Amino acid sequence: MGKSGKTLAGIFLAVVTVPFLVYVMHTGSRTNMQQDFSVTNPVTQEPSLPQDTVLAYRVLHEGLHIPWDIAFLPNDALLVTERSGTLKEIAPDGTTVAIPVSGVRHAGEGGLMGIALHPDFANNRLLYLYISREVNGGTVNSVERYRYDDSSLSERKVVVGDIPGAIYHDGGRIAFGPDGYLYIATGDATQPDLSQDVQSLAGKILRVTEAGDPAPGNPFHSLVYSLGHRNPQGIAWDSNGVLWSTEHGRSGIFSGLDELNRIERAGNYGWSDLQGDDRQHGFVAPTLHSGSDTWAPASIAIVEDRIFFGGLRGEALYEVTQENGVPVLQEYFKGVFGRIRTVAVSPDGTSLYVTTSNRDGRGSVRDGDDKIIQVTGL
């Protein structure tokens, strides 16, 4: 089963020692208390936050069905993918247009997932979608390019096809990097051996041109940039241009060992040969992992080198910072919103846009779910 539905094996975050890195969790004044803020109309009526938090929030939009990713349009509208197969454009005044995406296979963790706007979207109107489709009774994922004009999709082109898919472990996050190339996070499609197979697109981070060709400088003269991943669902770059990714660790009774990884060209991140604190020459260890706890990290966003990600099973907004070279983990809104999937940085860099995923069959549905929430006070 995918990590977003895992059974929690531990009831606390372990302190994990890795070379030159220590895993520390803050539970002081910056951590939000576990409270259920129930309000009649959360879009217009905002509850009071505990006095000891530095973050505030407001609910921007409600009534979505498993929102998976967000893109910000030049006109300040949002484009939101719903995993069940609908792309929604939400204007600043809340007006919503639903655009069905044909042929989406919404089964298990698959469906309509990542979205990325072309770097020159304002002029060429091109966007990219990560989509699960049914092929011979199974799931196959692809990255497809469309022209988006007047709230409609046209000029479909498969940019990268034949990405192995399954009911679980489909990856799905896509983003253009500072180098102008498209990065694609793929899962192992429940076949762990594929992660170590450099010829397979499963369990990888891919790096491609806007047309889907191998990007110049890729280490294996293919689409593959890094390998040995289980189910990465977050991609973001820090101020130095370093790529970071979040990844779901093992499932089931031994659930845990979710990862935050610093991605290196040609890096092998070990799945399924190594996990957690395991060390072996030729493999890259995680910068941070969750120990016996389960985050089920489904996104990543970086604001002034503060790394944020959402937790599905963890039901929290997580932040990782560095203190004297040591990564420090903090959590916010624990249990307040339920399952958190996407965390995206606003265009002006002053706030986060957070989506809930309580209607995906693994959470408790709350009034107004699913929601987009703006978090301020960073």
Protein backbone atom coordinates (compact mmCIF):
# COMPACT_ATOMS: atom_id res chain seq x y z
CA MET A 1 0.00 0.00 0.00
CA GLY A 2 1.12 3.61 -0.54
CA LYS A 3 2.62 5.53 2.30
CA SER A 4 -0.30 7.98 2.46
CA GLY A 5 -2.41 5.19 3.94
CA LYS A 6 0.18 3.53 6.15
CA THR A 7 -0.38 2.28 9.68
CA LEU A 8 1.51 4.38 12.19
CA ALA A 9 4.15 2.18 13.77
CA GLY A 10 5.56 4.67 16.27
CA ILE A 11 3.93 7.32 18.44
CA PHE A 12 6.78 9.76 18.50
CA LEU A 13 9.59 11.03 16.27
CA ALA A 14 12.86 9.29 17.00
CA VAL A 15 16.12 11.14 17.35
CA VAL A 16 18.24 9.81 14.52
CA THR A 17 21.99 10.25 14.26
CA VAL A 18 23.56 10.34 10.79
CA PRO A 19 27.02 11.55 9.80
CA PHE A 20 27.23 15.21 10.76
CA LEU A 21 23.43 15.42 10.96
CA VAL A 22 21.09 15.10 13.91
CA TYR A 23 17.34 14.81 13.70
CA VAL A 24 15.69 17.16 16.22
CA MET A 25 12.04 18.01 16.62
CA HIS A 26 10.93 21.29 18.17
CA THR A 27 7.74 21.20 20.19
CA GLY A 28 7.97 24.66 21.68
CA SER A 29 6.20 27.91 21.02
CA ARG A 30 6.34 27.64 17.21
CA THR A 31 4.42 24.36 17.09
CA ASN A 32 0.66 24.69 16.72
CA MET A 33 -1.51 22.95 19.33
CA GLN A 34 -3.76 20.08 18.23
CA GLN A 35 -7.17 21.74 18.08
CA ASP A 36 -10.18 21.36 15.80
CA PHE A 37 -11.29 24.80 14.69
CA SER A 38 -14.89 24.27 13.61
CA VAL A 39 -16.58 27.26 12.05
CA THR A 40 -19.80 27.78 10.15
CA ASN A 41 -18.22 29.43 7.14
CA PRO A 42 -14.45 28.99 7.20
CA VAL A 43 -13.96 30.98 4.02
CA THR A 44 -15.15 34.21 5.58
CA GLN A 45 -15.01 33.51 9.32
CA GLU A 46 -11.56 32.73 10.63
CA PRO A 47 -10.98 31.04 13.99
CA SER A 48 -8.50 32.35 16.52
CA LEU A 49 -5.19 30.58 16.48
CA PRO A 50 -3.36 29.63 19.66
CA GLN A 51 -1.37 32.57 20.95
CA ASP A 52 1.92 30.68 20.82
CA THR A 53 2.05 30.19 17.04
CA VAL A 54 3.85 32.46 14.61
CA LEU A 55 1.77 31.27 11.66
CA ALA A 56 -1.73 32.34 10.70
CA TYR A 57 -4.07 31.00 8.06
CA ARG A 58 -7.28 31.55 6.17
CA VAL A 59 -9.31 29.16 4.06
CA LEU A 60 -9.40 30.43 0.49
CA HIS A 61 -11.47 27.80 -1.29
CA GLU A 62 -13.65 24.84 -0.36
CA GLY A 63 -15.52 21.96 -1.92
CA LEU A 64 -12.65 20.53 -3.98
CA HIS A 65 -12.26 16.82 -4.69
CA ILE A 66 -8.77 15.56 -3.85
CA PRO A 67 -6.78 18.59 -5.03
CA TRP A 68 -3.31 17.38 -5.97
CA ASP A 69 -1.32 20.35 -7.27
CA ILE A 70 -1.51 24.11 -7.79
CA ALA A 71 -0.18 26.47 -10.44
CA PHE A 72 -0.41 30.27 -10.32
CA LEU A 73 -1.62 31.98 -13.48
CA PRO A 74 -0.37 35.44 -14.53
CA ASN A 75 -3.87 36.89 -13.91
CA ASP A 76 -3.69 35.80 -10.23
CA ALA A 77 -6.07 32.90 -10.80
CA LEU A 78 -5.18 29.38 -9.64
CA LEU A 79 -5.08 26.20 -11.67
CA VAL A 80 -5.79 23.20 -9.45
CA THR A 81 -5.62 19.56 -10.48
CA GLU A 82 -8.15 17.25 -8.86
CA ARG A 83 -6.93 13.68 -8.85
CA SER A 84 -10.30 12.43 -10.05
CA GLY A 85 -9.68 14.06 -13.43
CA THR A 86 -10.71 17.72 -13.37
CA LEU A 87 -8.58 20.81 -13.85
CA LYS A 88 -10.11 23.81 -12.09
CA GLU A 89 -9.40 27.47 -12.71
CA ILE A 90 -10.24 29.54 -9.65
CA ALA A 91 -10.38 33.31 -10.06
CA PRO A 92 -9.39 35.66 -7.23
CA ASP A 93 -13.09 36.29 -6.51
CA GLY A 94 -13.70 32.54 -6.15
CA THR A 95 -15.37 32.04 -9.51
CA THR A 96 -14.52 28.52 -10.66
CA VAL A 97 -14.39 26.91 -14.09
CA ALA A 98 -14.08 23.11 -14.25
CA ILE A 99 -12.20 21.63 -17.22
CA PRO A 100 -12.49 17.83 -17.51
CA VAL A 101 -9.32 16.06 -18.64
CA SER A 102 -10.34 13.11 -20.79
CA GLY A 103 -9.13 9.58 -20.22
CA VAL A 104 -7.77 9.98 -16.68
CA ARG A 105 -7.63 6.73 -14.73
CA HIS A 106 -8.41 7.61 -11.13
CA ALA A 107 -7.59 4.40 -9.28
CA GLY A 108 -5.78 4.16 -5.96
CA GLU A 109 -3.11 6.86 -5.85
CA GLY A 110 -3.20 7.51 -9.60
CA GLY A 111 -5.14 10.09 -11.58
CA LEU A 112 -4.60 13.71 -12.56
CA MET A 113 -1.63 14.81 -10.47
CA GLY A 114 1.19 17.28 -11.07
CA ILE A 115 0.97 20.51 -13.04
CA ALA A 116 3.73 22.83 -14.25
CA LEU A 117 3.51 25.97 -16.34
CA HIS A 118 6.06 26.47 -19.08
CA PRO A 119 8.60 29.15 -18.03
CA ASP A 120 7.29 31.31 -20.91
CA PHE A 121 3.64 30.49 -20.23
CA ALA A 122 2.57 34.14 -20.39
CA ASN A 123 3.47 34.11 -24.10
CA ASN A 124 3.06 30.50 -25.27
CA ARG A 125 0.22 29.34 -22.91
CA LEU A 126 1.77 25.87 -22.52
CA LEU A 127 1.26 23.75 -19.43
CA TYR A 128 2.27 20.22 -18.45
CA LEU A 129 0.20 17.60 -16.60
CA TYR A 130 1.15 14.29 -15.00
CA ILE A 131 -1.64 11.87 -15.81
CA SER A 132 -2.49 8.22 -15.11
CA ARG A 133 -4.21 6.38 -17.96
CA GLU A 134 -5.48 2.82 -18.38
CA VAL A 135 -3.50 0.63 -20.75
CA ASN A 136 -4.33 -3.08 -21.13
CA GLY A 137 -6.19 -3.04 -17.85
CA GLY A 138 -3.32 -1.49 -15.90
CA THR A 139 -2.02 1.98 -15.08
CA VAL A 140 0.52 3.83 -17.17
CA ASN A 141 1.60 7.38 -16.33
CA SER A 142 2.61 10.12 -18.72
CA VAL A 143 3.55 13.77 -18.80
CA GLU A 144 1.48 15.63 -21.36
CA ARG A 145 1.68 19.15 -22.74
CA TYR A 146 -1.35 21.29 -23.57
CA ARG A 147 -2.11 24.77 -24.74
CA TYR A 148 -4.32 26.53 -22.20
CA ASP A 149 -6.46 29.34 -23.57
CA ASP A 150 -9.85 30.69 -22.48
CA SER A 151 -10.21 28.02 -19.80
CA SER A 152 -9.79 25.16 -22.26
CA LEU A 153 -7.11 22.61 -23.11
CA SER A 154 -5.97 21.94 -26.67
CA GLU A 155 -2.99 20.70 -28.70
CA ARG A 156 -2.34 17.64 -26.54
CA LYS A 157 1.16 16.19 -26.86
CA VAL A 158 2.64 13.31 -24.87
CA VAL A 159 6.01 14.60 -23.70
CA VAL A 160 7.09 11.54 -21.69
CA GLY A 161 5.03 8.36 -21.96
CA ASP A 162 5.19 4.79 -20.69
CA ILE A 163 6.06 5.70 -17.09
CA PRO A 164 5.23 2.53 -15.10
CA GLY A 165 2.18 2.96 -12.91
CA ALA A 166 0.11 0.99 -10.45
CA ILE A 167 -2.59 1.40 -7.84
CA TYR A 168 0.13 2.71 -5.51
CA HIS A 169 3.48 4.52 -5.87
CA ASP A 170 2.88 6.69 -8.93
CA GLY A 171 5.00 9.69 -7.91
CA GLY A 172 3.43 12.55 -9.85
CA ARG A 173 5.17 15.83 -9.05
CA ILE A 174 6.59 17.89 -11.93
CA ALA A 175 8.40 21.24 -11.94
CA PHE A 176 10.64 23.35 -14.16
CA GLY A 177 14.02 23.91 -12.57
CA PRO A 178 16.17 27.05 -12.58
CA ASP A 179 18.05 25.51 -15.52
CA GLY A 180 14.87 25.63 -17.61
CA TYR A 181 14.43 21.85 -17.79
CA LEU A 182 11.42 19.84 -16.60
CA TYR A 183 11.92 17.51 -13.62
CA ILE A 184 9.56 14.59 -13.09
CA ALA A 185 9.21 12.49 -9.91
CA THR A 186 8.13 8.89 -10.57
CA GLY A 187 7.26 6.10 -8.15
CA ASP A 188 8.39 2.48 -8.23
CA ALA A 189 4.88 1.33 -9.28
CA THR A 190 5.01 -1.25 -6.45
CA GLN A 191 7.95 -2.97 -8.19
CA PRO A 192 10.96 -2.05 -6.00
CA ASP A 193 13.51 -3.60 -8.36
CA LEU A 194 12.62 -1.02 -11.02
CA SER A 195 14.07 1.75 -8.85
CA GLN A 196 17.57 0.31 -9.32
CA ASP A 197 17.08 -0.38 -13.04
CA VAL A 198 18.57 2.61 -14.85
CA GLN A 199 16.71 1.57 -18.01
CA SER A 200 13.32 1.96 -16.30
CA LEU A 201 11.53 5.27 -15.76
CA ALA A 202 10.08 4.03 -12.44
CA GLY A 203 11.49 5.12 -9.08
CA LYS A 204 13.40 8.02 -10.59
CA ILE A 205 13.69 11.75 -10.90
CA LEU A 206 13.73 12.50 -14.63
CA ARG A 207 15.12 15.63 -16.28
CA VAL A 208 13.88 16.46 -19.75
CA THR A 209 13.64 19.26 -22.27
CA GLU A 210 10.32 21.00 -22.85
CA ALA A 211 9.75 18.55 -25.72
CA GLY A 212 10.54 15.48 -23.61
CA ASP A 213 14.07 14.70 -24.80
CA PRO A 214 16.92 13.90 -22.41
CA ALA A 215 18.24 17.17 -21.01
CA PRO A 216 21.88 17.98 -21.81
CA GLY A 217 24.20 16.76 -19.06
CA ASN A 218 21.98 13.92 -17.86
CA PRO A 219 24.31 11.28 -16.40
CA PHE A 220 23.08 8.19 -18.24
CA HIS A 221 22.39 9.78 -21.64
CA SER A 222 18.70 9.13 -20.99
CA LEU A 223 15.83 10.86 -19.20
CA VAL A 224 17.10 9.66 -15.80
CA TYR A 225 18.70 12.19 -13.46
CA SER A 226 18.66 10.24 -10.16
CA LEU A 227 17.50 6.76 -9.16
CA GLY A 228 16.76 4.51 -6.21
CA HIS A 229 13.55 6.30 -5.21
CA ARG A 230 10.44 4.65 -3.77
CA ASN A 231 7.69 7.23 -4.17
CA PRO A 232 8.97 10.82 -4.40
CA GLN A 233 6.23 13.44 -4.46
CA GLY A 234 8.06 16.71 -3.86
CA ILE A 235 10.51 18.74 -5.97
CA ALA A 236 11.91 22.21 -5.14
CA TRP A 237 15.14 24.22 -5.33
CA ASP A 238 16.85 26.32 -2.69
CA SER A 239 18.52 29.71 -3.21
CA ASN A 240 21.75 27.98 -4.31
CA GLY A 241 19.96 26.00 -7.01
CA VAL A 242 20.16 22.75 -5.04
CA LEU A 243 17.34 20.31 -5.75
CA TRP A 244 15.47 18.81 -2.79
CA SER A 245 12.85 16.07 -2.78
CA THR A 246 10.52 14.41 -0.30
CA GLU A 247 9.90 10.68 -0.53
CA HIS A 248 7.57 8.14 1.04
CA GLY A 249 9.34 5.38 2.95
CA ARG A 250 8.24 1.86 3.74
CA SER A 251 4.62 0.88 4.46
CA GLY A 252 2.68 -1.56 6.57
CA ILE A 253 3.48 -2.64 10.10
CA PHE A 254 7.02 -1.26 9.81
CA SER A 255 5.83 2.07 8.44
CA GLY A 256 8.29 4.93 8.71
CA LEU A 257 11.60 6.16 7.30
CA ASP A 258 10.09 8.86 5.12
CA GLU A 259 12.85 10.97 3.61
CA LEU A 260 14.02 14.45 2.80
CA ASN A 261 16.71 14.14 0.13
CA ARG A 262 19.28 16.49 -1.35
CA ILE A 263 19.24 15.38 -4.97
CA GLU A 264 22.55 14.92 -6.78
CA ARG A 265 23.12 14.26 -10.45
CA ALA A 266 23.43 10.46 -10.88
CA GLY A 267 22.66 9.99 -7.18
CA ASN A 268 21.37 6.58 -6.12
CA TYR A 269 19.09 6.93 -3.10
CA GLY A 270 19.11 3.27 -2.21
CA TRP A 271 15.57 1.95 -2.52
CA SER A 272 15.02 -0.86 -1.99
CA ASP A 273 18.51 -1.96 -0.91
CA LEU A 274 19.02 0.69 1.79
CA GLN A 275 16.74 2.64 4.13
CA GLY A 276 17.10 5.10 6.98
CA ASP A 277 20.57 5.04 8.52
CA ASP A 278 21.86 2.23 6.31
CA ARG A 279 25.14 3.20 4.69
CA GLN A 280 26.89 1.72 1.70
CA HIS A 281 29.40 3.12 -0.75
CA GLY A 282 27.75 4.35 -3.93
CA PHE A 283 24.44 5.29 -2.32
CA VAL A 284 23.24 8.67 -1.06
CA ALA A 285 21.78 8.74 2.47
CA PRO A 286 18.80 10.96 3.28
CA THR A 287 19.45 14.35 4.81
CA LEU A 288 16.63 13.61 7.22
CA HIS A 289 14.23 10.75 7.80
CA SER A 290 11.22 10.21 10.02
CA GLY A 291 12.46 7.25 12.02
CA SER A 292 9.54 5.19 13.29
CA ASP A 293 7.10 8.03 12.69
CA THR A 294 5.23 8.49 9.42
CA TRP A 295 5.02 11.82 7.63
CA ALA A 296 3.85 10.54 4.22
CA PRO A 297 5.35 13.70 2.68
CA ALA A 298 3.48 14.67 -0.48
CA SER A 299 5.08 17.96 -1.55
CA ILE A 300 7.89 20.41 -0.90
CA ALA A 301 8.19 24.20 -0.99
CA ILE A 302 11.18 26.35 -0.10
CA VAL A 303 10.99 29.91 1.26
CA GLU A 304 14.32 31.60 1.98
CA ASP A 305 15.90 28.15 2.39
CA ARG A 306 13.25 27.09 4.88
CA ILE A 307 11.93 23.77 3.59
CA PHE A 308 8.22 23.09 4.02
CA PHE A 309 6.28 19.96 3.13
CA GLY A 310 2.85 18.53 3.77
CA GLY A 311 2.14 15.31 5.62
CA LEU A 312 -0.73 13.03 4.66
CA ARG A 313 -0.51 10.40 7.38
CA GLY A 314 1.26 12.94 9.60
CA GLU A 315 -1.57 15.49 9.19
CA ALA A 316 0.77 18.43 9.64
CA LEU A 317 2.71 21.14 7.87
CA TYR A 318 6.40 20.38 8.42
CA GLU A 319 9.36 22.75 8.27
CA VAL A 320 13.06 21.89 8.12
CA THR A 321 15.71 24.49 8.85
CA GLN A 322 19.43 24.33 9.55
CA GLU A 323 20.95 25.29 12.89
CA ASN A 324 24.75 25.14 12.84
CA GLY A 325 24.58 22.61 10.03
CA VAL A 326 22.05 20.44 11.85
CA PRO A 327 18.60 19.93 10.26
CA VAL A 328 15.79 20.79 12.65
CA LEU A 329 12.22 19.61 12.08
CA GLN A 330 9.20 21.56 13.28
CA GLU A 331 5.52 20.85 12.76
CA TYR A 332 2.52 23.18 12.53
CA PHE A 333 -1.25 22.70 12.55
CA LYS A 334 -0.91 19.11 13.73
CA GLY A 335 -4.32 17.50 13.26
CA VAL A 336 -6.04 20.82 12.53
CA PHE A 337 -6.78 20.35 8.82
CA GLY A 338 -6.36 16.61 8.46
CA ARG A 339 -4.32 15.22 5.59
CA ILE A 340 -2.10 17.82 3.90
CA ARG A 341 -0.85 17.15 0.40
CA THR A 342 0.45 20.10 -1.58
CA VAL A 343 2.40 23.03 -0.17
CA ALA A 344 3.15 25.72 -2.77
CA VAL A 345 4.83 29.11 -2.44
CA SER A 346 2.77 32.12 -3.50
CA PRO A 347 4.16 34.11 -6.46
CA ASP A 348 5.29 36.92 -4.15
CA GLY A 349 7.02 34.45 -1.82
CA THR A 350 5.25 35.69 1.31
CA SER A 351 2.80 32.86 1.96
CA LEU A 352 2.11 29.18 1.40
CA TYR A 353 -0.88 27.64 -0.32
CA VAL A 354 -1.80 24.33 1.29
CA THR A 355 -4.29 21.72 0.07
CA THR A 356 -6.08 19.11 2.14
CA SER A 357 -6.66 15.55 0.94
CA ASN A 358 -9.39 14.31 3.23
CA ARG A 359 -11.65 13.05 0.46
CA ASP A 360 -9.16 10.51 -0.89
CA GLY A 361 -10.65 7.62 1.10
CA ARG A 362 -7.95 7.64 3.77
CA GLY A 363 -8.95 10.58 5.93
CA SER A 364 -11.87 11.94 7.91
CA VAL A 365 -13.90 14.33 5.78
CA ARG A 366 -14.56 17.67 7.48
CA ASP A 367 -16.99 20.43 6.64
CA GLY A 368 -15.94 22.16 3.44
CA ASP A 369 -13.36 19.57 2.38
CA ASP A 370 -11.27 19.57 0.44
CA LYS A 371 -9.77 23.03 0.94
CA ILE A 372 -7.04 25.41 -0.19
CA ILE A 373 -5.58 27.24 2.79
CA GLN A 374 -3.28 30.25 2.75
CA VAL A 375 -0.65 30.23 5.50
CA THR A 376 0.96 33.56 6.39
CA GLY A 377 3.38 34.88 8.99
CA LEU A 378 6.36 32.96 7.62
